[in-house]
Amino acid sequence: MTAVDGVWCDRCGEPVGASAHEACRTARTLEPPRYCPSCRRRMKVQVLPTGWRATCVEHGAITD
């Protein structure tokens, strides 16, 4: 999932339409999401040797 797949940016938590989020897209190629793109809640993130898992209490897990 990228910063533009939801209503909220999954890196900075701001509305997707508020700005271009080019820095967020660039950063997301190397790091996991921090905010749920559906509800803007801060997610629990676990970095694994094979990727990452981010979990929203409302929407569940997103994995890489």
N, C-alpha and C. Protein backbone atom coordinates (compact mmCIF):
# COMPACT_ATOMS: atom_id res chain seq x y z
N MET A 1 0.85 -1.18 0.00
CA MET A 1 0.00 0.00 0.00
C MET A 1 0.89 1.23 0.00
N THR A 2 0.53 2.21 -0.78
CA THR A 2 1.32 3.43 -0.85
C THR A 2 0.56 4.58 -0.23
N ALA A 3 1.19 5.71 -0.19
CA ALA A 3 0.60 6.89 0.45
C ALA A 3 -0.66 7.37 -0.24
N VAL A 4 -0.90 7.00 -1.48
CA VAL A 4 -2.06 7.52 -2.19
C VAL A 4 -3.20 6.51 -2.31
N ASP A 5 -3.10 5.33 -1.67
CA ASP A 5 -4.14 4.32 -1.78
C ASP A 5 -5.35 4.57 -0.87
N GLY A 6 -5.24 5.44 0.10
CA GLY A 6 -6.33 5.68 1.03
C GLY A 6 -6.67 7.16 1.11
N VAL A 7 -7.47 7.49 2.10
CA VAL A 7 -7.87 8.87 2.35
C VAL A 7 -6.75 9.64 3.03
N TRP A 8 -5.97 8.93 3.86
CA TRP A 8 -4.89 9.54 4.64
C TRP A 8 -3.55 8.99 4.16
N CYS A 9 -2.53 9.80 4.25
CA CYS A 9 -1.17 9.37 3.91
C CYS A 9 -0.70 8.37 4.96
N ASP A 10 -0.19 7.23 4.54
CA ASP A 10 0.23 6.21 5.51
C ASP A 10 1.60 6.48 6.12
N ARG A 11 2.25 7.54 5.72
CA ARG A 11 3.54 7.90 6.34
C ARG A 11 3.41 9.07 7.30
N CYS A 12 2.75 10.16 6.86
CA CYS A 12 2.67 11.35 7.72
C CYS A 12 1.30 11.53 8.39
N GLY A 13 0.27 10.83 7.92
CA GLY A 13 -1.04 10.92 8.52
C GLY A 13 -1.89 12.10 8.08
N GLU A 14 -1.40 12.90 7.14
CA GLU A 14 -2.16 14.04 6.64
C GLU A 14 -3.08 13.61 5.50
N PRO A 15 -4.12 14.40 5.19
CA PRO A 15 -5.00 14.05 4.07
C PRO A 15 -4.21 13.94 2.77
N VAL A 16 -4.56 12.95 1.95
CA VAL A 16 -3.84 12.71 0.70
C VAL A 16 -3.95 13.91 -0.24
N GLY A 17 -5.09 14.56 -0.30
CA GLY A 17 -5.29 15.69 -1.19
C GLY A 17 -4.68 17.00 -0.71
N ALA A 18 -4.16 17.04 0.51
CA ALA A 18 -3.65 18.28 1.08
C ALA A 18 -2.34 18.75 0.42
N SER A 19 -1.51 17.81 0.02
CA SER A 19 -0.24 18.17 -0.63
C SER A 19 0.20 17.03 -1.54
N ALA A 20 1.33 17.19 -2.18
CA ALA A 20 1.78 16.21 -3.17
C ALA A 20 2.30 14.92 -2.54
N HIS A 21 2.86 14.97 -1.35
CA HIS A 21 3.39 13.81 -0.65
C HIS A 21 4.51 13.10 -1.40
N GLU A 22 5.26 13.84 -2.20
CA GLU A 22 6.38 13.23 -2.93
C GLU A 22 7.43 12.68 -1.96
N ALA A 23 7.72 13.40 -0.89
CA ALA A 23 8.70 12.92 0.10
C ALA A 23 8.19 11.66 0.78
N CYS A 24 6.89 11.59 1.02
CA CYS A 24 6.31 10.39 1.64
C CYS A 24 6.44 9.19 0.72
N ARG A 25 6.13 9.36 -0.55
CA ARG A 25 6.26 8.25 -1.51
C ARG A 25 7.70 7.75 -1.59
N THR A 26 8.64 8.67 -1.59
CA THR A 26 10.06 8.30 -1.65
C THR A 26 10.46 7.55 -0.40
N ALA A 27 10.08 8.05 0.76
CA ALA A 27 10.45 7.41 2.03
C ALA A 27 9.80 6.04 2.17
N ARG A 28 8.58 5.87 1.66
CA ARG A 28 7.86 4.61 1.80
C ARG A 28 8.49 3.47 1.01
N THR A 29 9.40 3.77 0.08
CA THR A 29 10.08 2.69 -0.62
C THR A 29 11.04 1.96 0.31
N LEU A 30 11.47 2.63 1.39
CA LEU A 30 12.44 2.05 2.32
C LEU A 30 11.89 1.75 3.71
N GLU A 31 10.74 2.30 4.07
CA GLU A 31 10.23 2.12 5.43
C GLU A 31 8.76 1.73 5.43
N PRO A 32 8.29 1.09 6.50
CA PRO A 32 6.89 0.67 6.57
C PRO A 32 5.95 1.84 6.83
N PRO A 33 4.65 1.63 6.62
CA PRO A 33 3.68 2.69 6.91
C PRO A 33 3.57 2.93 8.40
N ARG A 34 3.18 4.12 8.79
CA ARG A 34 3.03 4.47 10.21
C ARG A 34 1.58 4.76 10.58
N TYR A 35 0.77 5.20 9.62
CA TYR A 35 -0.63 5.54 9.87
C TYR A 35 -1.53 4.71 8.97
N CYS A 36 -2.70 4.33 9.47
CA CYS A 36 -3.68 3.60 8.67
C CYS A 36 -4.22 4.54 7.60
N PRO A 37 -4.17 4.14 6.32
CA PRO A 37 -4.66 5.01 5.26
C PRO A 37 -6.19 5.15 5.24
N SER A 38 -6.91 4.31 5.98
CA SER A 38 -8.36 4.39 6.02
C SER A 38 -8.89 5.25 7.15
N CYS A 39 -8.22 5.18 8.33
CA CYS A 39 -8.77 5.88 9.50
C CYS A 39 -7.80 6.82 10.20
N ARG A 40 -6.55 6.89 9.74
CA ARG A 40 -5.53 7.79 10.26
C ARG A 40 -5.01 7.42 11.65
N ARG A 41 -5.35 6.25 12.14
CA ARG A 41 -4.82 5.82 13.44
C ARG A 41 -3.37 5.40 13.29
N ARG A 42 -2.61 5.64 14.33
CA ARG A 42 -1.21 5.21 14.36
C ARG A 42 -1.21 3.68 14.45
N MET A 43 -0.42 3.02 13.60
CA MET A 43 -0.40 1.56 13.58
C MET A 43 0.77 1.00 14.37
N LYS A 44 0.59 -0.21 14.85
CA LYS A 44 1.67 -0.95 15.49
C LYS A 44 2.49 -1.57 14.35
N VAL A 45 3.79 -1.27 14.29
CA VAL A 45 4.65 -1.72 13.19
C VAL A 45 5.71 -2.67 13.73
N GLN A 46 5.86 -3.80 13.06
CA GLN A 46 6.90 -4.76 13.41
C GLN A 46 7.77 -4.97 12.18
N VAL A 47 9.07 -4.70 12.32
CA VAL A 47 10.02 -4.90 11.22
C VAL A 47 10.60 -6.30 11.37
N LEU A 48 10.48 -7.08 10.30
CA LEU A 48 10.93 -8.47 10.28
C LEU A 48 12.11 -8.62 9.32
N PRO A 49 12.89 -9.69 9.43
CA PRO A 49 13.99 -9.89 8.49
C PRO A 49 13.52 -10.00 7.04
N THR A 50 12.28 -10.44 6.83
CA THR A 50 11.75 -10.62 5.48
C THR A 50 10.86 -9.49 5.01
N GLY A 51 10.67 -8.46 5.82
CA GLY A 51 9.78 -7.35 5.44
C GLY A 51 9.26 -6.64 6.68
N TRP A 52 7.94 -6.37 6.72
CA TRP A 52 7.34 -5.71 7.86
C TRP A 52 5.87 -6.09 7.96
N ARG A 53 5.28 -5.82 9.13
CA ARG A 53 3.84 -5.99 9.36
C ARG A 53 3.36 -4.78 10.12
N ALA A 54 2.33 -4.12 9.62
CA ALA A 54 1.72 -2.97 10.29
C ALA A 54 0.28 -3.34 10.61
N THR A 55 -0.16 -3.07 11.84
CA THR A 55 -1.49 -3.46 12.27
C THR A 55 -2.27 -2.27 12.80
N CYS A 56 -3.45 -2.08 12.25
CA CYS A 56 -4.41 -1.07 12.73
C CYS A 56 -5.42 -1.79 13.61
N VAL A 57 -5.76 -1.22 14.76
CA VAL A 57 -6.71 -1.87 15.65
C VAL A 57 -8.10 -1.99 15.01
N GLU A 58 -8.41 -1.11 14.08
CA GLU A 58 -9.72 -1.12 13.42
C GLU A 58 -9.73 -1.95 12.13
N HIS A 59 -8.66 -1.87 11.33
CA HIS A 59 -8.66 -2.47 10.00
C HIS A 59 -7.76 -3.68 9.82
N GLY A 60 -7.03 -4.08 10.86
CA GLY A 60 -6.21 -5.28 10.79
C GLY A 60 -4.81 -5.05 10.23
N ALA A 61 -4.21 -6.13 9.77
CA ALA A 61 -2.79 -6.12 9.38
C ALA A 61 -2.59 -5.84 7.90
N ILE A 62 -1.49 -5.14 7.63
CA ILE A 62 -0.97 -4.92 6.28
C ILE A 62 0.45 -5.46 6.31
N THR A 63 0.84 -6.27 5.33
CA THR A 63 2.19 -6.83 5.34
C THR A 63 2.89 -6.52 4.04
N ASP A 64 4.21 -6.63 4.10
CA ASP A 64 5.04 -6.45 2.91
C ASP A 64 5.67 -7.77 2.57
